[in-house]
Amino acid sequence: MTDRRTSILDDVRAYHAEAGTGRGFVPGETEIWPSGAVLDADDRVALAAAALDLKIAAGGASRTFESRFARKLGRRKAHLTNSGSSANLLALSALTSPQLGERRLRPGDEVITVAAGFPTTVNPILQNGLVPVFVDIELGTYNTTAERVAAAVSDRTRAIMVAHALGNPFEATEIARLAEEKDLFLVEDNCDAVGSTYDGRLTGTFGDLTTVSFYPAHHLTMGEGGCVLTADLGLARIVESLRDWGRDCWCEPGESNKCLKRFDYRLGDLPAGYDHKYIFSHVGYNLKTTDLQAALGLSQLAKLDEFCAARRRNWRRLRDAVDGLPHLLLPEATPRSDPSWFGFALTVTADAPFTRAELVSFLEERKIGTRRLFAGNLTRHPAYQGQHYRVSGELTNSDVVTENTFWVGVYPGLTDEMIDYVSSSVKDFVGGRAAKR
């Protein structure tokens, strides 16, 4: 059986080599995606091996990944979930747990976040009956500032939930310090920024809870998947409970009486000795992942440093090539940061002789994929009209982003030739429009 398994996996590796052959990059014909998974033979073999072993639920591979990923990011605990969006839901919901006593978030409490972001950083706030407090961002870095966050704090504010924009760290040291001074929880959405640093410290290590996504667009992929990380073992237990139906037991599915106290508990109004595997301490979900996904994640994790280096290299090559172009605001790293970039943002300035839509159309016609800076100003979307929220200050830059900002890719699957084609296309368009002016 072992020989047969080895033979099958050898065939899978050979198949990968055959499947990967094809035409090289053809400018104007080959799609240049803004993001995407970079998968090699090891990834294909990892998936096939898990399938041969019928790893159809969370098990050993999931636990191994959680341990290695927590160590890689400098956290004590990591809990896999089925998406980054679910990770955000779990992280914010954990702060409402009765087990936190007086510190728990209650309906009507405020959570500060940015208006120009992705909905799943904001939705858990509303889904838990809390009040989002929207703050504006800086153009260029596309992050908010500690000053804006501080100005938004009221006597109802209990937490901050902010994402690092396009892999570019927000002022994590200052915002974490503010959270500590004001006794606020900090949820750090690190989905776009794995491998980034601020003040020489990895992003994802500043918050009480941190979230990561493993969707194919992100730094590592499991196809779908996400993770919640923390250094606080109490919060980790709450996250695990909420993820696993809300149950109180910490034994893994399939384990029986590992704690040797399975029939010794009396909780709630249940009879003494009620099976601990079926005692529920939270109104939870089932948001687990599978070992198939974790097997792919383990293969990807071995390449994380390589992926991050490629993102930085591609971003720098593109930034240097378009430096000095008129009518475009180019992206800038937050001071004291070293981003592991998710994308390359461009904002068309107010005096430009062209619109964002015209530039985007030109690039798309050349098979260069573009994306908006996610939702732009979320308060302008139909989903949030009629919702209860508060705005601190003006959302001027969030509106600029809504109208004039987009981004192109720098992910590791892009070659130097592709990056150069993107930069030359941008220069061709801007130069041509400037000449016609």
Protein backbone atom coordinates (compact mmCIF):
# COMPACT_ATOMS: atom_id res chain seq x y z
CA MET A 1 0.00 0.00 0.00
CA THR A 2 2.86 2.39 0.85
CA ASP A 3 4.52 1.70 -2.52
CA ARG A 4 1.22 2.26 -4.32
CA ARG A 5 0.69 5.57 -2.50
CA THR A 6 4.22 6.72 -3.37
CA SER A 7 3.66 5.78 -7.00
CA ILE A 8 0.43 7.78 -7.15
CA LEU A 9 2.07 10.86 -5.67
CA ASP A 10 4.98 10.54 -8.11
CA ASP A 11 2.40 10.50 -10.90
CA VAL A 12 0.77 13.62 -9.45
CA ARG A 13 4.11 15.42 -9.50
CA ALA A 14 4.70 14.33 -13.10
CA TYR A 15 1.20 15.47 -14.05
CA HIS A 16 1.92 18.89 -12.54
CA ALA A 17 4.99 19.26 -14.75
CA GLU A 18 2.98 18.37 -17.83
CA ALA A 19 0.01 20.58 -16.91
CA GLY A 20 2.29 23.57 -16.34
CA THR A 21 3.64 23.67 -19.88
CA GLY A 22 2.15 26.29 -22.21
CA ARG A 23 2.72 29.62 -23.92
CA GLY A 24 4.79 32.23 -22.19
CA PHE A 25 3.65 35.78 -21.52
CA VAL A 26 2.21 37.52 -24.59
CA PRO A 27 1.66 41.27 -24.00
CA GLY A 28 -1.92 42.26 -24.63
CA GLU A 29 -3.09 38.64 -24.80
CA THR A 30 -2.05 37.02 -21.54
CA GLU A 31 -4.24 38.06 -18.60
CA ILE A 32 -2.33 39.86 -15.86
CA TRP A 33 -4.43 39.25 -12.79
CA PRO A 34 -4.34 41.68 -9.85
CA SER A 35 -4.08 38.72 -7.47
CA GLY A 36 -3.97 34.97 -7.47
CA ALA A 37 -2.60 31.83 -5.91
CA VAL A 38 0.90 30.62 -6.74
CA LEU A 39 0.75 26.84 -6.64
CA ASP A 40 3.58 24.43 -7.36
CA ALA A 41 4.08 20.68 -7.52
CA ASP A 42 4.46 20.42 -3.74
CA ASP A 43 1.04 22.01 -3.30
CA ARG A 44 -0.62 19.61 -5.73
CA VAL A 45 1.05 16.63 -4.07
CA ALA A 46 0.01 17.87 -0.61
CA LEU A 47 -3.63 18.02 -1.69
CA ALA A 48 -3.46 14.61 -3.33
CA ALA A 49 -1.82 13.05 -0.28
CA ALA A 50 -4.53 14.42 2.00
CA ALA A 51 -7.19 13.12 -0.36
CA LEU A 52 -5.60 9.66 -0.45
CA ASP A 53 -5.63 9.64 3.34
CA LEU A 54 -9.32 10.73 3.30
CA LYS A 55 -8.56 13.80 5.42
CA ILE A 56 -12.07 15.17 4.99
CA ALA A 57 -12.46 16.99 8.33
CA ALA A 58 -10.29 19.02 10.67
CA GLY A 59 -7.61 16.82 12.21
CA GLY A 60 -3.87 16.41 12.50
CA ALA A 61 -2.92 18.63 9.55
CA SER A 62 -5.14 21.43 10.87
CA ARG A 63 -3.58 21.27 14.32
CA THR A 64 -0.07 21.17 12.84
CA PHE A 65 -0.77 24.21 10.71
CA GLU A 66 -2.25 26.12 13.64
CA SER A 67 0.84 25.42 15.72
CA ARG A 68 3.34 26.35 12.99
CA PHE A 69 1.44 29.44 11.89
CA ALA A 70 1.10 30.72 15.44
CA ARG A 71 4.84 30.27 15.90
CA LYS A 72 5.57 32.01 12.59
CA LEU A 73 3.52 35.05 13.57
CA GLY A 74 4.64 35.12 17.20
CA ARG A 75 1.26 34.33 18.77
CA ARG A 76 0.45 31.68 21.37
CA LYS A 77 -2.66 30.30 19.68
CA ALA A 78 -4.08 30.11 16.17
CA HIS A 79 -7.49 28.74 15.24
CA LEU A 80 -8.27 27.87 11.64
CA THR A 81 -11.63 28.78 10.21
CA ASN A 82 -13.37 28.47 6.88
CA SER A 83 -12.62 32.02 5.65
CA GLY A 84 -11.02 35.31 6.60
CA SER A 85 -14.50 36.79 6.85
CA SER A 86 -15.43 34.13 9.40
CA ALA A 87 -12.20 34.89 11.23
CA ASN A 88 -13.31 38.51 11.57
CA LEU A 89 -16.74 37.40 12.77
CA LEU A 90 -15.18 35.10 15.37
CA ALA A 91 -12.67 37.69 16.59
CA LEU A 92 -15.25 40.41 17.13
CA SER A 93 -17.88 38.01 18.51
CA ALA A 94 -15.35 36.71 21.05
CA LEU A 95 -15.28 40.18 22.61
CA THR A 96 -19.00 39.88 23.40
CA SER A 97 -18.54 36.68 25.44
CA PRO A 98 -20.05 36.68 28.96
CA GLN A 99 -16.80 35.02 30.06
CA LEU A 100 -15.12 38.44 29.76
CA GLY A 101 -17.27 39.82 32.55
CA GLU A 102 -17.46 43.61 32.68
CA ARG A 103 -15.06 43.95 29.76
CA ARG A 104 -17.42 42.25 27.31
CA LEU A 105 -18.89 44.28 24.48
CA ARG A 106 -22.63 44.77 24.69
CA PRO A 107 -25.20 45.91 22.11
CA GLY A 108 -24.87 49.64 21.56
CA ASP A 109 -21.16 49.78 22.36
CA GLU A 110 -18.99 51.47 19.75
CA VAL A 111 -16.19 49.98 17.67
CA ILE A 112 -13.92 52.33 15.70
CA THR A 113 -13.12 51.29 12.13
CA VAL A 114 -12.38 52.86 8.75
CA ALA A 115 -14.99 53.80 6.17
CA ALA A 116 -12.78 52.91 3.18
CA GLY A 117 -12.24 49.19 3.55
CA PHE A 118 -13.70 45.75 3.01
CA PRO A 119 -17.19 44.98 4.36
CA THR A 120 -16.19 41.97 6.43
CA THR A 121 -14.09 44.15 8.73
CA VAL A 122 -17.24 46.13 9.50
CA ASN A 123 -20.08 43.60 9.21
CA PRO A 124 -19.29 41.70 12.45
CA ILE A 125 -19.71 44.97 14.35
CA LEU A 126 -23.25 45.36 13.05
CA GLN A 127 -23.99 41.63 13.28
CA ASN A 128 -23.25 41.76 17.01
CA GLY A 129 -25.53 44.76 17.60
CA LEU A 130 -22.60 47.13 18.03
CA VAL A 131 -22.12 50.58 16.49
CA PRO A 132 -19.38 51.18 13.89
CA VAL A 133 -17.64 54.54 14.24
CA PHE A 134 -16.17 55.39 10.86
CA VAL A 135 -12.96 57.37 10.49
CA ASP A 136 -11.22 58.63 7.38
CA ILE A 137 -7.92 57.50 5.85
CA GLU A 138 -4.79 59.13 4.44
CA LEU A 139 -4.33 59.19 0.69
CA GLY A 140 -1.09 57.50 -0.35
CA THR A 141 -0.93 55.06 2.57
CA TYR A 142 -4.71 54.41 2.49
CA ASN A 143 -4.67 53.81 6.24
CA THR A 144 -6.20 55.77 9.05
CA THR A 145 -4.02 57.41 11.71
CA ALA A 146 -3.77 57.16 15.46
CA GLU A 147 -4.80 60.82 15.64
CA ARG A 148 -8.05 60.13 13.80
CA VAL A 149 -8.77 57.10 15.95
CA ALA A 150 -8.12 59.05 19.16
CA ALA A 151 -10.49 61.80 18.04
CA ALA A 152 -13.22 59.22 17.47
CA VAL A 153 -13.17 57.77 21.01
CA SER A 154 -16.28 58.48 23.08
CA ASP A 155 -17.55 57.20 26.41
CA ARG A 156 -19.32 54.40 24.49
CA THR A 157 -16.20 53.22 22.62
CA ARG A 158 -15.04 49.76 23.64
CA ALA A 159 -12.92 48.48 20.75
CA ILE A 160 -10.98 49.27 17.56
CA MET A 161 -11.12 47.01 14.50
CA VAL A 162 -8.90 48.08 11.62
CA ALA A 163 -7.25 46.39 8.62
CA HIS A 164 -3.79 47.05 7.21
CA ALA A 165 -4.64 48.51 3.79
CA LEU A 166 -3.26 46.57 0.79
CA GLY A 167 -0.52 45.12 3.00
CA ASN A 168 0.61 48.57 4.16
CA PRO A 169 0.64 48.69 7.99
CA PHE A 170 -1.39 51.27 9.84
CA GLU A 171 0.25 53.05 12.79
CA ALA A 172 0.08 49.88 14.84
CA THR A 173 2.34 50.89 17.73
CA GLU A 174 0.47 54.14 18.32
CA ILE A 175 -3.01 52.64 17.92
CA ALA A 176 -2.16 49.71 20.20
CA ARG A 177 -0.85 52.18 22.79
CA LEU A 178 -4.04 54.21 22.50
CA ALA A 179 -6.13 51.07 22.96
CA GLU A 180 -4.20 50.19 26.11
CA GLU A 181 -4.52 53.70 27.53
CA LYS A 182 -8.27 53.81 26.89
CA ASP A 183 -8.86 50.18 27.93
CA LEU A 184 -10.11 49.27 24.46
CA PHE A 185 -9.81 45.95 22.66
CA LEU A 186 -7.84 46.02 19.40
CA VAL A 187 -8.76 43.61 16.60
CA GLU A 188 -6.05 43.65 13.93
CA ASP A 189 -7.29 42.58 10.50
CA ASN A 190 -4.05 41.25 9.00
CA CYS A 191 -5.68 39.53 6.02
CA ASP A 192 -3.78 41.59 3.42
CA ALA A 193 -0.53 42.06 5.31
CA VAL A 194 1.00 38.76 6.44
CA GLY A 195 4.76 39.30 6.62
CA SER A 196 4.55 43.10 6.89
CA THR A 197 6.31 44.86 9.76
CA TYR A 198 5.85 48.11 11.67
CA ASP A 199 8.60 49.38 13.96
CA GLY A 200 10.43 46.16 13.09
CA ARG A 201 7.59 44.05 14.51
CA LEU A 202 5.34 41.76 12.51
CA THR A 203 1.84 42.99 11.86
CA GLY A 204 -0.61 40.68 13.54
CA THR A 205 1.24 40.94 16.86
CA PHE A 206 -0.23 44.26 18.01
CA GLY A 207 -3.87 43.35 18.53
CA ASP A 208 -5.67 41.42 21.25
CA LEU A 209 -6.92 39.32 18.34
CA THR A 210 -5.61 39.07 14.79
CA THR A 211 -7.27 37.71 11.68
CA VAL A 212 -5.84 36.26 8.46
CA SER A 213 -7.41 35.09 5.18
CA PHE A 214 -6.25 32.20 3.02
CA TYR A 215 -8.41 33.03 0.00
CA PRO A 216 -6.40 32.66 -3.26
CA ALA A 217 -5.80 36.41 -3.46
CA HIS A 218 -3.84 36.45 -0.21
CA HIS A 219 -0.27 35.77 0.83
CA LEU A 220 -0.95 32.10 1.52
CA THR A 221 -3.87 30.10 0.20
CA MET A 222 -5.92 27.11 1.22
CA GLY A 223 -8.49 27.83 -1.51
CA GLU A 224 -10.82 29.09 1.19
CA GLY A 225 -9.86 29.50 4.81
CA GLY A 226 -8.88 31.91 7.53
CA CYS A 227 -7.38 32.09 10.99
CA VAL A 228 -7.77 33.89 14.31
CA LEU A 229 -4.59 34.37 16.35
CA THR A 230 -3.99 35.70 19.84
CA ALA A 231 -1.49 35.73 22.68
CA ASP A 232 -4.36 35.63 25.21
CA LEU A 233 -5.28 32.05 26.12
CA GLY A 234 -8.63 33.13 27.54
CA LEU A 235 -9.63 34.78 24.27
CA ALA A 236 -8.32 31.75 22.37
CA ARG A 237 -10.68 29.46 24.28
CA ILE A 238 -13.61 31.72 23.51
CA VAL A 239 -12.73 31.79 19.80
CA GLU A 240 -12.45 28.01 19.75
CA SER A 241 -15.82 27.61 21.46
CA LEU A 242 -17.57 30.02 19.08
CA ARG A 243 -15.99 28.33 16.07
CA ASP A 244 -16.98 24.84 17.25
CA TRP A 245 -20.75 25.23 17.69
CA GLY A 246 -20.36 27.14 20.98
CA ARG A 247 -19.46 24.01 22.93
CA ASP A 248 -17.64 24.23 26.23
CA CYS A 249 -15.48 21.14 25.69
CA TRP A 250 -11.95 21.68 24.36
CA CYS A 251 -11.34 18.09 23.18
CA GLU A 252 -10.95 17.74 19.44
CA PRO A 253 -13.76 16.05 17.48
CA GLY A 254 -13.17 12.33 17.63
CA GLU A 255 -11.36 12.52 20.97
CA SER A 256 -13.03 10.96 23.99
CA ASN A 257 -12.36 12.12 27.55
CA LYS A 258 -8.88 13.46 26.88
CA CYS A 259 -9.29 15.74 29.90
CA LEU A 260 -10.39 12.77 32.06
CA LYS A 261 -13.29 14.88 33.32
CA ARG A 262 -15.80 14.43 30.51
CA PHE A 263 -18.55 13.23 32.88
CA ASP A 264 -17.55 15.28 35.94
CA TYR A 265 -18.97 18.71 35.06
CA ARG A 266 -22.09 20.48 36.21
CA LEU A 267 -22.75 23.67 34.25
CA GLY A 268 -25.87 25.78 33.78
CA ASP A 269 -28.99 23.92 34.86
CA LEU A 270 -27.83 20.60 33.45
CA PRO A 271 -27.67 17.48 35.64
CA ALA A 272 -24.36 16.60 37.20
CA GLY A 273 -22.14 14.54 34.93
CA TYR A 274 -23.77 15.68 31.70
CA ASP A 275 -21.46 14.80 28.79
CA HIS A 276 -19.08 17.75 28.49
CA LYS A 277 -18.83 17.24 24.72
CA TYR A 278 -22.46 18.38 24.55
CA ILE A 279 -22.40 21.32 26.93
CA PHE A 280 -22.61 24.70 25.19
CA SER A 281 -21.30 27.89 26.76
CA HIS A 282 -21.74 30.22 23.75
CA VAL A 283 -24.25 30.77 20.99
CA GLY A 284 -21.74 29.69 18.37
CA TYR A 285 -21.25 28.53 14.81
CA ASN A 286 -19.59 25.76 12.86
CA LEU A 287 -16.80 27.62 11.07
CA LYS A 288 -14.09 24.97 10.98
CA THR A 289 -11.87 24.12 8.02
CA THR A 290 -10.68 20.71 6.78
CA ASP A 291 -7.40 18.83 6.68
CA LEU A 292 -7.45 19.03 2.88
CA GLN A 293 -7.20 22.80 3.20
CA ALA A 294 -4.66 22.62 6.01
CA ALA A 295 -2.46 20.26 3.98
CA LEU A 296 -2.30 22.87 1.23
CA GLY A 297 -1.68 25.55 3.86
CA LEU A 298 1.30 23.67 5.27
CA SER A 299 2.84 23.41 1.80
CA GLN A 300 2.23 27.12 1.21
CA LEU A 301 3.59 28.14 4.60
CA ALA A 302 7.01 26.78 3.67
CA LYS A 303 7.12 29.40 0.90
CA LEU A 304 5.81 32.42 2.84
CA ASP A 305 9.14 34.27 3.07
CA GLU A 306 9.71 33.75 -0.66
CA PHE A 307 6.22 35.03 -1.45
CA CYS A 308 6.66 38.13 0.70
CA ALA A 309 10.01 38.93 -0.93
CA ALA A 310 8.42 38.66 -4.38
CA ARG A 311 5.60 41.02 -3.41
CA ARG A 312 8.09 43.61 -2.17
CA ARG A 313 10.24 43.19 -5.28
CA ASN A 314 7.32 43.55 -7.69
CA TRP A 315 5.94 46.59 -5.87
CA ARG A 316 9.32 48.34 -5.89
CA ARG A 317 9.89 47.58 -9.59
CA LEU A 318 6.50 49.05 -10.48
CA ARG A 319 6.90 52.04 -8.14
CA ASP A 320 10.30 52.94 -9.58
CA ALA A 321 9.03 52.62 -13.15
CA VAL A 322 6.08 55.02 -12.75
CA ASP A 323 7.77 57.45 -10.38
CA GLY A 324 7.30 61.04 -11.46
CA LEU A 325 4.26 60.47 -13.66
CA PRO A 326 1.92 63.47 -13.58
CA HIS A 327 -1.74 63.28 -12.52
CA LEU A 328 -1.29 60.14 -10.43
CA LEU A 329 -0.87 59.90 -6.68
CA LEU A 330 1.47 56.98 -6.11
CA PRO A 331 1.35 54.72 -3.05
CA GLU A 332 3.69 55.24 -0.11
CA ALA A 333 4.65 52.92 2.72
CA THR A 334 3.59 54.10 6.14
CA PRO A 335 6.66 55.59 7.86
CA ARG A 336 8.63 53.00 9.90
CA SER A 337 6.97 50.12 8.05
CA ASP A 338 8.12 47.43 5.64
CA PRO A 339 4.98 46.23 3.85
CA SER A 340 4.51 42.83 2.30
CA TRP A 341 2.33 44.43 -0.35
CA PHE A 342 -1.07 43.11 -1.40
CA GLY A 343 -1.54 45.55 -4.27
CA PHE A 344 -0.32 48.77 -5.89
CA ALA A 345 -2.81 51.63 -5.50
CA LEU A 346 -3.13 54.54 -7.92
CA THR A 347 -5.28 57.63 -7.39
CA VAL A 348 -6.09 59.93 -10.29
CA THR A 349 -5.63 63.53 -9.15
CA ALA A 350 -8.31 66.20 -9.45
CA ASP A 351 -6.39 68.12 -12.15
CA ALA A 352 -5.89 65.11 -14.43
CA PRO A 353 -7.02 65.39 -18.07
CA PHE A 354 -8.51 61.90 -17.76
CA THR A 355 -10.68 59.96 -15.36
CA ARG A 356 -10.05 56.86 -13.33
CA ALA A 357 -12.59 55.03 -15.48
CA GLU A 358 -10.72 55.94 -18.67
CA LEU A 359 -7.38 54.73 -17.32
CA VAL A 360 -8.93 51.54 -15.96
CA SER A 361 -10.64 50.86 -19.31
CA PHE A 362 -7.32 51.32 -21.12
CA LEU A 363 -5.56 48.86 -18.82
CA GLU A 364 -8.35 46.30 -18.94
CA GLU A 365 -8.31 46.42 -22.76
CA ARG A 366 -4.63 45.47 -22.50
CA LYS A 367 -5.60 42.48 -20.32
CA ILE A 368 -4.26 44.16 -17.17
CA GLY A 369 -6.64 43.39 -14.33
CA THR A 370 -7.63 46.14 -11.93
CA ARG A 371 -9.64 46.33 -8.73
CA ARG A 372 -11.22 49.14 -6.76
CA LEU A 373 -9.88 49.91 -3.28
CA PHE A 374 -12.49 47.47 -2.04
CA ALA A 375 -15.73 49.21 -1.08
CA GLY A 376 -14.47 52.79 -1.09
CA ASN A 377 -16.68 54.71 1.34
CA LEU A 378 -18.87 52.01 2.85
CA THR A 379 -21.44 54.52 4.10
CA ARG A 380 -22.40 55.17 0.47
CA HIS A 381 -23.37 51.54 -0.20
CA PRO A 382 -27.01 50.43 -0.07
CA ALA A 383 -26.24 47.77 2.56
CA TYR A 384 -25.26 50.41 5.12
CA GLN A 385 -27.91 53.00 4.43
CA GLY A 386 -30.31 52.81 7.33
CA GLN A 387 -27.78 51.06 9.58
CA HIS A 388 -26.88 52.62 12.91
CA TYR A 389 -23.36 54.05 12.82
CA ARG A 390 -21.45 57.19 13.72
CA VAL A 391 -18.97 59.17 11.61
CA SER A 392 -16.05 60.91 13.31
CA GLY A 393 -14.92 63.97 11.36
CA GLU A 394 -15.19 64.07 7.58
CA LEU A 395 -14.79 61.18 5.14
CA THR A 396 -13.24 63.34 2.43
CA ASN A 397 -10.42 60.99 1.48
CA SER A 398 -12.73 57.98 1.60
CA ASP A 399 -14.85 59.75 -1.01
CA VAL A 400 -11.75 60.48 -3.13
CA VAL A 401 -10.92 56.77 -3.04
CA THR A 402 -14.48 55.92 -4.05
CA GLU A 403 -14.24 58.12 -7.11
CA ASN A 404 -10.60 58.03 -8.20
CA THR A 405 -8.62 55.07 -6.76
CA PHE A 406 -7.89 51.58 -8.08
CA TRP A 407 -5.08 49.07 -7.75
CA VAL A 408 -3.12 46.62 -9.84
CA GLY A 409 -1.34 43.46 -8.81
CA VAL A 410 2.10 42.74 -7.41
CA TYR A 411 1.51 39.15 -6.30
CA PRO A 412 4.30 36.54 -6.71
CA GLY A 413 2.81 35.05 -9.87
CA LEU A 414 3.74 38.18 -11.85
CA THR A 415 7.06 38.18 -13.71
CA ASP A 416 9.37 41.14 -14.33
CA GLU A 417 8.10 41.18 -17.93
CA MET A 418 4.51 41.46 -16.72
CA ILE A 419 5.32 44.21 -14.24
CA ASP A 420 7.17 46.13 -16.95
CA TYR A 421 4.19 45.77 -19.29
CA VAL A 422 1.89 47.20 -16.59
CA SER A 423 4.19 50.17 -15.95
CA SER A 424 4.71 50.89 -19.65
CA SER A 425 0.96 50.75 -20.23
CA VAL A 426 0.31 53.26 -17.46
CA LYS A 427 3.01 55.52 -18.88
CA ASP A 428 1.63 55.17 -22.41
CA PHE A 429 -1.81 56.23 -21.29
CA VAL A 430 -0.75 59.12 -19.06
CA GLY A 431 1.78 60.39 -21.58
CA GLY A 432 -0.71 60.21 -24.43
CA ARG A 433 -3.41 62.07 -22.52
CA ALA A 434 -0.97 64.72 -21.30
CA ALA A 435 0.20 65.30 -24.89
CA LYS A 436 -3.38 65.84 -26.08
CA ARG A 437 -4.08 68.40 -23.38
